[in-house]
Amino acid sequence: MRHYRQALVLYRELGCSYDEADTLERLGDTYLALGDADQAHDTWQWTLKLYHTQNRPHETVSMASAPFDEASLSPHPRGR
């Protein structure tokens, strides 16, 4: 997770919002894998806002409509 956070700082400094959004999505996946569903949800919400702002409809739709596994609360977007 430390690397994701470091990457976010760099992407923000460089103005690379596309990479920032992609990194946030993966950070949310990591939070969920570590059992922090609330933090994962919050991170994915920020990701969706960025995707929407960036006019990335495919990513926005796939995340917003991702099915969730009731047992693990794990989303399954884009076959990951």
PDB file of N, CA and C in Angstrom:
ATOM      1  N   MET A   1       0.824  -1.195   0.000  1.00  0.00           N
ATOM      2  CA  MET A   1       0.000   0.000   0.000  1.00  0.00           C
ATOM      3  C   MET A   1       0.865   1.254   0.000  1.00  0.00           C
ATOM      4  N   ARG A   2       2.002   1.159   0.621  1.00  0.00           N
ATOM      5  CA  ARG A   2       2.887   2.321   0.662  1.00  0.00           C
ATOM      6  C   ARG A   2       3.235   2.792  -0.752  1.00  0.00           C
ATOM      7  N   HIS A   3       3.458   1.842  -1.645  1.00  0.00           N
ATOM      8  CA  HIS A   3       3.814   2.201  -3.013  1.00  0.00           C
ATOM      9  C   HIS A   3       2.655   2.888  -3.743  1.00  0.00           C
ATOM     10  N   TYR A   4       1.451   2.415  -3.503  1.00  0.00           N
ATOM     11  CA  TYR A   4       0.290   3.079  -4.102  1.00  0.00           C
ATOM     12  C   TYR A   4       0.190   4.521  -3.610  1.00  0.00           C
ATOM     13  N   ARG A   5       0.382   4.710  -2.315  1.00  0.00           N
ATOM     14  CA  ARG A   5       0.292   6.062  -1.756  1.00  0.00           C
ATOM     15  C   ARG A   5       1.391   6.964  -2.313  1.00  0.00           C
ATOM     16  N   GLN A   6       2.604   6.410  -2.450  1.00  0.00           N
ATOM     17  CA  GLN A   6       3.689   7.190  -3.028  1.00  0.00           C
ATOM     18  C   GLN A   6       3.380   7.549  -4.487  1.00  0.00           C
ATOM     19  N   ALA A   7       2.834   6.589  -5.203  1.00  0.00           N
ATOM     20  CA  ALA A   7       2.467   6.840  -6.602  1.00  0.00           C
ATOM     21  C   ALA A   7       1.408   7.927  -6.687  1.00  0.00           C
ATOM     22  N   LEU A   8       0.428   7.903  -5.778  1.00  0.00           N
ATOM     23  CA  LEU A   8      -0.618   8.925  -5.788  1.00  0.00           C
ATOM     24  C   LEU A   8      -0.031  10.320  -5.600  1.00  0.00           C
ATOM     25  N   VAL A   9       0.918  10.452  -4.689  1.00  0.00           N
ATOM     26  CA  VAL A   9       1.555  11.747  -4.461  1.00  0.00           C
ATOM     27  C   VAL A   9       2.242  12.222  -5.743  1.00  0.00           C
ATOM     28  N   LEU A  10       2.980  11.333  -6.370  1.00  0.00           N
ATOM     29  CA  LEU A  10       3.690  11.695  -7.599  1.00  0.00           C
ATOM     30  C   LEU A  10       2.731  12.045  -8.729  1.00  0.00           C
ATOM     31  N   TYR A  11       1.698  11.216  -8.915  1.00  0.00           N
ATOM     32  CA  TYR A  11       0.735  11.484  -9.986  1.00  0.00           C
ATOM     33  C   TYR A  11       0.032  12.821  -9.780  1.00  0.00           C
ATOM     34  N   ARG A  12      -0.293  13.128  -8.531  1.00  0.00           N
ATOM     35  CA  ARG A  12      -0.948  14.409  -8.248  1.00  0.00           C
ATOM     36  C   ARG A  12      -0.008  15.576  -8.516  1.00  0.00           C
ATOM     37  N   GLU A  13       1.260  15.431  -8.107  1.00  0.00           N
ATOM     38  CA  GLU A  13       2.237  16.490  -8.357  1.00  0.00           C
ATOM     39  C   GLU A  13       2.444  16.720  -9.847  1.00  0.00           C
ATOM     40  N   LEU A  14       2.408  15.622 -10.618  1.00  0.00           N
ATOM     41  CA  LEU A  14       2.634  15.709 -12.063  1.00  0.00           C
ATOM     42  C   LEU A  14       1.367  16.030 -12.846  1.00  0.00           C
ATOM     43  N   GLY A  15       0.225  16.010 -12.174  1.00  0.00           N
ATOM     44  CA  GLY A  15      -1.041  16.280 -12.843  1.00  0.00           C
ATOM     45  C   GLY A  15      -1.529  15.126 -13.702  1.00  0.00           C
ATOM     46  N   CYS A  16      -1.138  13.917 -13.349  1.00  0.00           N
ATOM     47  CA  CYS A  16      -1.534  12.714 -14.107  1.00  0.00           C
ATOM     48  C   CYS A  16      -2.791  12.103 -13.488  1.00  0.00           C
ATOM     49  N   SER A  17      -3.930  12.732 -13.735  1.00  0.00           N
ATOM     50  CA  SER A  17      -5.158  12.288 -13.069  1.00  0.00           C
ATOM     51  C   SER A  17      -5.630  10.909 -13.552  1.00  0.00           C
ATOM     52  N   TYR A  18      -5.321  10.535 -14.789  1.00  0.00           N
ATOM     53  CA  TYR A  18      -5.705   9.201 -15.257  1.00  0.00           C
ATOM     54  C   TYR A  18      -4.992   8.134 -14.440  1.00  0.00           C
ATOM     55  N   ASP A  19      -3.692   8.318 -14.246  1.00  0.00           N
ATOM     56  CA  ASP A  19      -2.925   7.359 -13.448  1.00  0.00           C
ATOM     57  C   ASP A  19      -3.351   7.401 -11.987  1.00  0.00           C
ATOM     58  N   GLU A  20      -3.698   8.582 -11.516  1.00  0.00           N
ATOM     59  CA  GLU A  20      -4.191   8.720 -10.149  1.00  0.00           C
ATOM     60  C   GLU A  20      -5.459   7.886  -9.955  1.00  0.00           C
ATOM     61  N   ALA A  21      -6.396   8.004 -10.881  1.00  0.00           N
ATOM     62  CA  ALA A  21      -7.650   7.256 -10.768  1.00  0.00           C
ATOM     63  C   ALA A  21      -7.410   5.751 -10.823  1.00  0.00           C
ATOM     64  N   ASP A  22      -6.567   5.309 -11.737  1.00  0.00           N
ATOM     65  CA  ASP A  22      -6.283   3.875 -11.839  1.00  0.00           C
ATOM     66  C   ASP A  22      -5.613   3.352 -10.572  1.00  0.00           C
ATOM     67  N   THR A  23      -4.725   4.149 -10.003  1.00  0.00           N
ATOM     68  CA  THR A  23      -4.045   3.752  -8.772  1.00  0.00           C
ATOM     69  C   THR A  23      -5.023   3.714  -7.609  1.00  0.00           C
ATOM     70  N   LEU A  24      -5.925   4.683  -7.554  1.00  0.00           N
ATOM     71  CA  LEU A  24      -6.937   4.671  -6.492  1.00  0.00           C
ATOM     72  C   LEU A  24      -7.806   3.420  -6.571  1.00  0.00           C
ATOM     73  N   GLU A  25      -8.164   3.016  -7.784  1.00  0.00           N
ATOM     74  CA  GLU A  25      -8.976   1.805  -7.919  1.00  0.00           C
ATOM     75  C   GLU A  25      -8.231   0.596  -7.344  1.00  0.00           C
ATOM     76  N   ARG A  26      -6.965   0.489  -7.663  1.00  0.00           N
ATOM     77  CA  ARG A  26      -6.178  -0.633  -7.154  1.00  0.00           C
ATOM     78  C   ARG A  26      -5.958  -0.538  -5.647  1.00  0.00           C
ATOM     79  N   LEU A  27      -5.831   0.683  -5.146  1.00  0.00           N
ATOM     80  CA  LEU A  27      -5.712   0.873  -3.701  1.00  0.00           C
ATOM     81  C   LEU A  27      -6.988   0.409  -3.010  1.00  0.00           C
ATOM     82  N   GLY A  28      -8.135   0.713  -3.593  1.00  0.00           N
ATOM     83  CA  GLY A  28      -9.402   0.218  -3.044  1.00  0.00           C
ATOM     84  C   GLY A  28      -9.452  -1.296  -3.031  1.00  0.00           C
ATOM     85  N   ASP A  29      -8.972  -1.921  -4.105  1.00  0.00           N
ATOM     86  CA  ASP A  29      -8.906  -3.386  -4.152  1.00  0.00           C
ATOM     87  C   ASP A  29      -8.047  -3.925  -3.012  1.00  0.00           C
ATOM     88  N   THR A  30      -6.941  -3.230  -2.753  1.00  0.00           N
ATOM     89  CA  THR A  30      -6.026  -3.660  -1.694  1.00  0.00           C
ATOM     90  C   THR A  30      -6.662  -3.515  -0.320  1.00  0.00           C
ATOM     91  N   TYR A  31      -7.341  -2.384  -0.091  1.00  0.00           N
ATOM     92  CA  TYR A  31      -8.044  -2.213   1.181  1.00  0.00           C
ATOM     93  C   TYR A  31      -9.037  -3.354   1.403  1.00  0.00           C
ATOM     94  N   LEU A  32      -9.760  -3.710   0.368  1.00  0.00           N
ATOM     95  CA  LEU A  32     -10.733  -4.784   0.503  1.00  0.00           C
ATOM     96  C   LEU A  32     -10.046  -6.110   0.810  1.00  0.00           C
ATOM     97  N   ALA A  33      -8.959  -6.385   0.116  1.00  0.00           N
ATOM     98  CA  ALA A  33      -8.222  -7.633   0.351  1.00  0.00           C
ATOM     99  C   ALA A  33      -7.706  -7.711   1.787  1.00  0.00           C
ATOM    100  N   LEU A  34      -7.433  -6.553   2.383  1.00  0.00           N
ATOM    101  CA  LEU A  34      -6.965  -6.506   3.768  1.00  0.00           C
ATOM    102  C   LEU A  34      -8.109  -6.482   4.774  1.00  0.00           C
ATOM    103  N   GLY A  35      -9.347  -6.506   4.275  1.00  0.00           N
ATOM    104  CA  GLY A  35     -10.509  -6.578   5.154  1.00  0.00           C
ATOM    105  C   GLY A  35     -11.103  -5.245   5.552  1.00  0.00           C
ATOM    106  N   ASP A  36     -10.665  -4.167   4.928  1.00  0.00           N
ATOM    107  CA  ASP A  36     -11.199  -2.843   5.266  1.00  0.00           C
ATOM    108  C   ASP A  36     -12.190  -2.401   4.188  1.00  0.00           C
ATOM    109  N   ALA A  37     -13.381  -2.965   4.248  1.00  0.00           N
ATOM    110  CA  ALA A  37     -14.408  -2.709   3.236  1.00  0.00           C
ATOM    111  C   ALA A  37     -14.839  -1.244   3.218  1.00  0.00           C
ATOM    112  N   ASP A  38     -14.881  -0.596   4.372  1.00  0.00           N
ATOM    113  CA  ASP A  38     -15.287   0.809   4.421  1.00  0.00           C
ATOM    114  C   ASP A  38     -14.285   1.704   3.684  1.00  0.00           C
ATOM    115  N   GLN A  39     -13.008   1.471   3.945  1.00  0.00           N
ATOM    116  CA  GLN A  39     -11.988   2.276   3.273  1.00  0.00           C
ATOM    117  C   GLN A  39     -11.962   1.968   1.775  1.00  0.00           C
ATOM    118  N   ALA A  40     -12.174   0.713   1.421  1.00  0.00           N
ATOM    119  CA  ALA A  40     -12.239   0.337   0.007  1.00  0.00           C
ATOM    120  C   ALA A  40     -13.384   1.080  -0.668  1.00  0.00           C
ATOM    121  N   HIS A  41     -14.538   1.082  -0.045  1.00  0.00           N
ATOM    122  CA  HIS A  41     -15.703   1.775  -0.597  1.00  0.00           C
ATOM    123  C   HIS A  41     -15.418   3.254  -0.797  1.00  0.00           C
ATOM    124  N   ASP A  42     -14.849   3.901   0.226  1.00  0.00           N
ATOM    125  CA  ASP A  42     -14.540   5.332   0.130  1.00  0.00           C
ATOM    126  C   ASP A  42     -13.556   5.609  -1.003  1.00  0.00           C
ATOM    127  N   THR A  43     -12.560   4.752  -1.134  1.00  0.00           N
ATOM    128  CA  THR A  43     -11.552   4.920  -2.179  1.00  0.00           C
ATOM    129  C   THR A  43     -12.170   4.737  -3.557  1.00  0.00           C
ATOM    130  N   TRP A  44     -13.031   3.747  -3.704  1.00  0.00           N
ATOM    131  CA  TRP A  44     -13.694   3.525  -4.995  1.00  0.00           C
ATOM    132  C   TRP A  44     -14.641   4.671  -5.332  1.00  0.00           C
ATOM    133  N   GLN A  45     -15.271   5.281  -4.335  1.00  0.00           N
ATOM    134  CA  GLN A  45     -16.141   6.423  -4.604  1.00  0.00           C
ATOM    135  C   GLN A  45     -15.332   7.580  -5.184  1.00  0.00           C
ATOM    136  N   TRP A  46     -14.159   7.831  -4.630  1.00  0.00           N
ATOM    137  CA  TRP A  46     -13.300   8.879  -5.162  1.00  0.00           C
ATOM    138  C   TRP A  46     -12.847   8.522  -6.582  1.00  0.00           C
ATOM    139  N   THR A  47     -12.546   7.239  -6.794  1.00  0.00           N
ATOM    140  CA  THR A  47     -12.157   6.762  -8.123  1.00  0.00           C
ATOM    141  C   THR A  47     -13.263   7.040  -9.132  1.00  0.00           C
ATOM    142  N   LEU A  48     -14.496   6.716  -8.768  1.00  0.00           N
ATOM    143  CA  LEU A  48     -15.626   6.955  -9.669  1.00  0.00           C
ATOM    144  C   LEU A  48     -15.773   8.433 -10.008  1.00  0.00           C
ATOM    145  N   LYS A  49     -15.565   9.300  -9.023  1.00  0.00           N
ATOM    146  CA  LYS A  49     -15.654  10.737  -9.276  1.00  0.00           C
ATOM    147  C   LYS A  49     -14.600  11.161 -10.293  1.00  0.00           C
ATOM    148  N   LEU A  50     -13.386  10.654 -10.132  1.00  0.00           N
ATOM    149  CA  LEU A  50     -12.331  10.992 -11.090  1.00  0.00           C
ATOM    150  C   LEU A  50     -12.650  10.445 -12.472  1.00  0.00           C
ATOM    151  N   TYR A  51     -13.084   9.189 -12.553  1.00  0.00           N
ATOM    152  CA  TYR A  51     -13.426   8.612 -13.853  1.00  0.00           C
ATOM    153  C   TYR A  51     -14.514   9.437 -14.537  1.00  0.00           C
ATOM    154  N   HIS A  52     -15.503   9.852 -13.769  1.00  0.00           N
ATOM    155  CA  HIS A  52     -16.589  10.656 -14.335  1.00  0.00           C
ATOM    156  C   HIS A  52     -16.048  11.995 -14.845  1.00  0.00           C
ATOM    157  N   THR A  53     -15.229  12.648 -14.045  1.00  0.00           N
ATOM    158  CA  THR A  53     -14.629  13.922 -14.429  1.00  0.00           C
ATOM    159  C   THR A  53     -13.772  13.784 -15.683  1.00  0.00           C
ATOM    160  N   GLN A  54     -13.127  12.638 -15.821  1.00  0.00           N
ATOM    161  CA  GLN A  54     -12.238  12.388 -16.960  1.00  0.00           C
ATOM    162  C   GLN A  54     -12.991  11.901 -18.195  1.00  0.00           C
ATOM    163  N   ASN A  55     -14.305  11.817 -18.070  1.00  0.00           N
ATOM    164  CA  ASN A  55     -15.127  11.318 -19.168  1.00  0.00           C
ATOM    165  C   ASN A  55     -14.674   9.927 -19.611  1.00  0.00           C
ATOM    166  N   ARG A  56     -14.559   9.039 -18.631  1.00  0.00           N
ATOM    167  CA  ARG A  56     -14.163   7.655 -18.885  1.00  0.00           C
ATOM    168  C   ARG A  56     -15.380   6.768 -18.620  1.00  0.00           C
ATOM    169  N   PRO A  57     -16.334   6.772 -19.526  1.00  0.00           N
ATOM    170  CA  PRO A  57     -17.598   6.078 -19.272  1.00  0.00           C
ATOM    171  C   PRO A  57     -17.443   4.581 -19.064  1.00  0.00           C
ATOM    172  N   HIS A  58     -16.526   3.948 -19.761  1.00  0.00           N
ATOM    173  CA  HIS A  58     -16.383   2.493 -19.594  1.00  0.00           C
ATOM    174  C   HIS A  58     -15.991   2.141 -18.162  1.00  0.00           C
ATOM    175  N   GLU A  59     -14.992   2.852 -17.631  1.00  0.00           N
ATOM    176  CA  GLU A  59     -14.555   2.582 -16.264  1.00  0.00           C
ATOM    177  C   GLU A  59     -15.645   2.936 -15.256  1.00  0.00           C
ATOM    178  N   THR A  60     -16.313   4.068 -15.488  1.00  0.00           N
ATOM    179  CA  THR A  60     -17.367   4.499 -14.570  1.00  0.00           C
ATOM    180  C   THR A  60     -18.484   3.471 -14.516  1.00  0.00           C
ATOM    181  N   VAL A  61     -18.933   3.017 -15.666  1.00  0.00           N
ATOM    182  CA  VAL A  61     -20.031   2.055 -15.717  1.00  0.00           C
ATOM    183  C   VAL A  61     -19.608   0.722 -15.134  1.00  0.00           C
ATOM    184  N   SER A  62     -18.412   0.246 -15.462  1.00  0.00           N
ATOM    185  CA  SER A  62     -17.996  -1.068 -14.975  1.00  0.00           C
ATOM    186  C   SER A  62     -17.829  -1.073 -13.465  1.00  0.00           C
ATOM    187  N   MET A  63     -17.345   0.014 -12.892  1.00  0.00           N
ATOM    188  CA  MET A  63     -17.212   0.068 -11.435  1.00  0.00           C
ATOM    189  C   MET A  63     -18.567   0.255 -10.761  1.00  0.00           C
ATOM    190  N   ALA A  64     -19.374   1.155 -11.293  1.00  0.00           N
ATOM    191  CA  ALA A  64     -20.660   1.466 -10.663  1.00  0.00           C
ATOM    192  C   ALA A  64     -21.621   0.289 -10.712  1.00  0.00           C
ATOM    193  N   SER A  65     -21.509  -0.533 -11.738  1.00  0.00           N
ATOM    194  CA  SER A  65     -22.435  -1.654 -11.873  1.00  0.00           C
ATOM    195  C   SER A  65     -21.786  -2.993 -11.563  1.00  0.00           C
ATOM    196  N   ALA A  66     -20.594  -2.964 -10.968  1.00  0.00           N
ATOM    197  CA  ALA A  66     -19.884  -4.211 -10.681  1.00  0.00           C
ATOM    198  C   ALA A  66     -20.679  -5.060  -9.698  1.00  0.00           C
ATOM    199  N   PRO A  67     -20.831  -6.345 -10.022  1.00  0.00           N
ATOM    200  CA  PRO A  67     -21.502  -7.232  -9.072  1.00  0.00           C
ATOM    201  C   PRO A  67     -20.616  -7.444  -7.854  1.00  0.00           C
ATOM    202  N   PHE A  68     -21.240  -7.615  -6.704  1.00  0.00           N
ATOM    203  CA  PHE A  68     -20.489  -7.841  -5.493  1.00  0.00           C
ATOM    204  C   PHE A  68     -20.784  -9.233  -4.960  1.00  0.00           C
ATOM    205  N   ASP A  69     -19.752  -9.862  -4.489  1.00  0.00           N
ATOM    206  CA  ASP A  69     -19.860 -11.152  -3.832  1.00  0.00           C
ATOM    207  C   ASP A  69     -20.296 -10.857  -2.402  1.00  0.00           C
ATOM    208  N   GLU A  70     -21.466 -11.330  -2.038  1.00  0.00           N
ATOM    209  CA  GLU A  70     -22.031 -11.020  -0.722  1.00  0.00           C
ATOM    210  C   GLU A  70     -21.102 -11.419   0.422  1.00  0.00           C
ATOM    211  N   ALA A  71     -20.404 -12.538   0.305  1.00  0.00           N
ATOM    212  CA  ALA A  71     -19.564 -13.022   1.391  1.00  0.00           C
ATOM    213  C   ALA A  71     -18.343 -12.126   1.606  1.00  0.00           C
ATOM    214  N   SER A  72     -17.742 -11.674   0.529  1.00  0.00           N
ATOM    215  CA  SER A  72     -16.492 -10.928   0.682  1.00  0.00           C
ATOM    216  C   SER A  72     -16.629  -9.450   0.361  1.00  0.00           C
ATOM    217  N   LEU A  73     -17.776  -9.036  -0.161  1.00  0.00           N
ATOM    218  CA  LEU A  73     -17.990  -7.677  -0.632  1.00  0.00           C
ATOM    219  C   LEU A  73     -17.008  -7.307  -1.730  1.00  0.00           C
ATOM    220  N   SER A  74     -16.551  -8.299  -2.444  1.00  0.00           N
ATOM    221  CA  SER A  74     -15.550  -8.066  -3.471  1.00  0.00           C
ATOM    222  C   SER A  74     -16.179  -7.757  -4.814  1.00  0.00           C
ATOM    223  N   PRO A  75     -15.818  -6.612  -5.413  1.00  0.00           N
ATOM    224  CA  PRO A  75     -16.323  -6.319  -6.755  1.00  0.00           C
ATOM    225  C   PRO A  75     -15.544  -7.132  -7.782  1.00  0.00           C
ATOM    226  N   HIS A  76     -16.163  -7.354  -8.898  1.00  0.00           N
ATOM    227  CA  HIS A  76     -15.506  -8.117  -9.948  1.00  0.00           C
ATOM    228  C   HIS A  76     -15.527  -7.328 -11.247  1.00  0.00           C
ATOM    229  N   PRO A  77     -15.017  -6.063 -11.244  1.00  0.00           N
ATOM    230  CA  PRO A  77     -15.042  -5.287 -12.484  1.00  0.00           C
ATOM    231  C   PRO A  77     -13.984  -5.758 -13.452  1.00  0.00           C
ATOM    232  N   ARG A  78     -14.314  -5.695 -14.724  1.00  0.00           N
ATOM    233  CA  ARG A  78     -13.398  -5.980 -15.806  1.00  0.00           C
ATOM    234  C   ARG A  78     -12.639  -7.284 -15.627  1.00  0.00           C
ATOM    235  N   GLY A  79     -13.237  -8.261 -14.992  1.00  0.00           N
ATOM    236  CA  GLY A  79     -12.649  -9.587 -14.906  1.00  0.00           C
ATOM    237  C   GLY A  79     -11.397  -9.699 -14.079  1.00  0.00           C
ATOM    238  N   ARG A  80     -11.193  -8.766 -13.163  1.00  0.00           N
ATOM    239  CA  ARG A  80      -9.994  -8.848 -12.332  1.00  0.00           C
ATOM    240  C   ARG A  80     -10.217  -9.738 -11.167  1.00  0.00           C
TER     241      ARG A  80
END
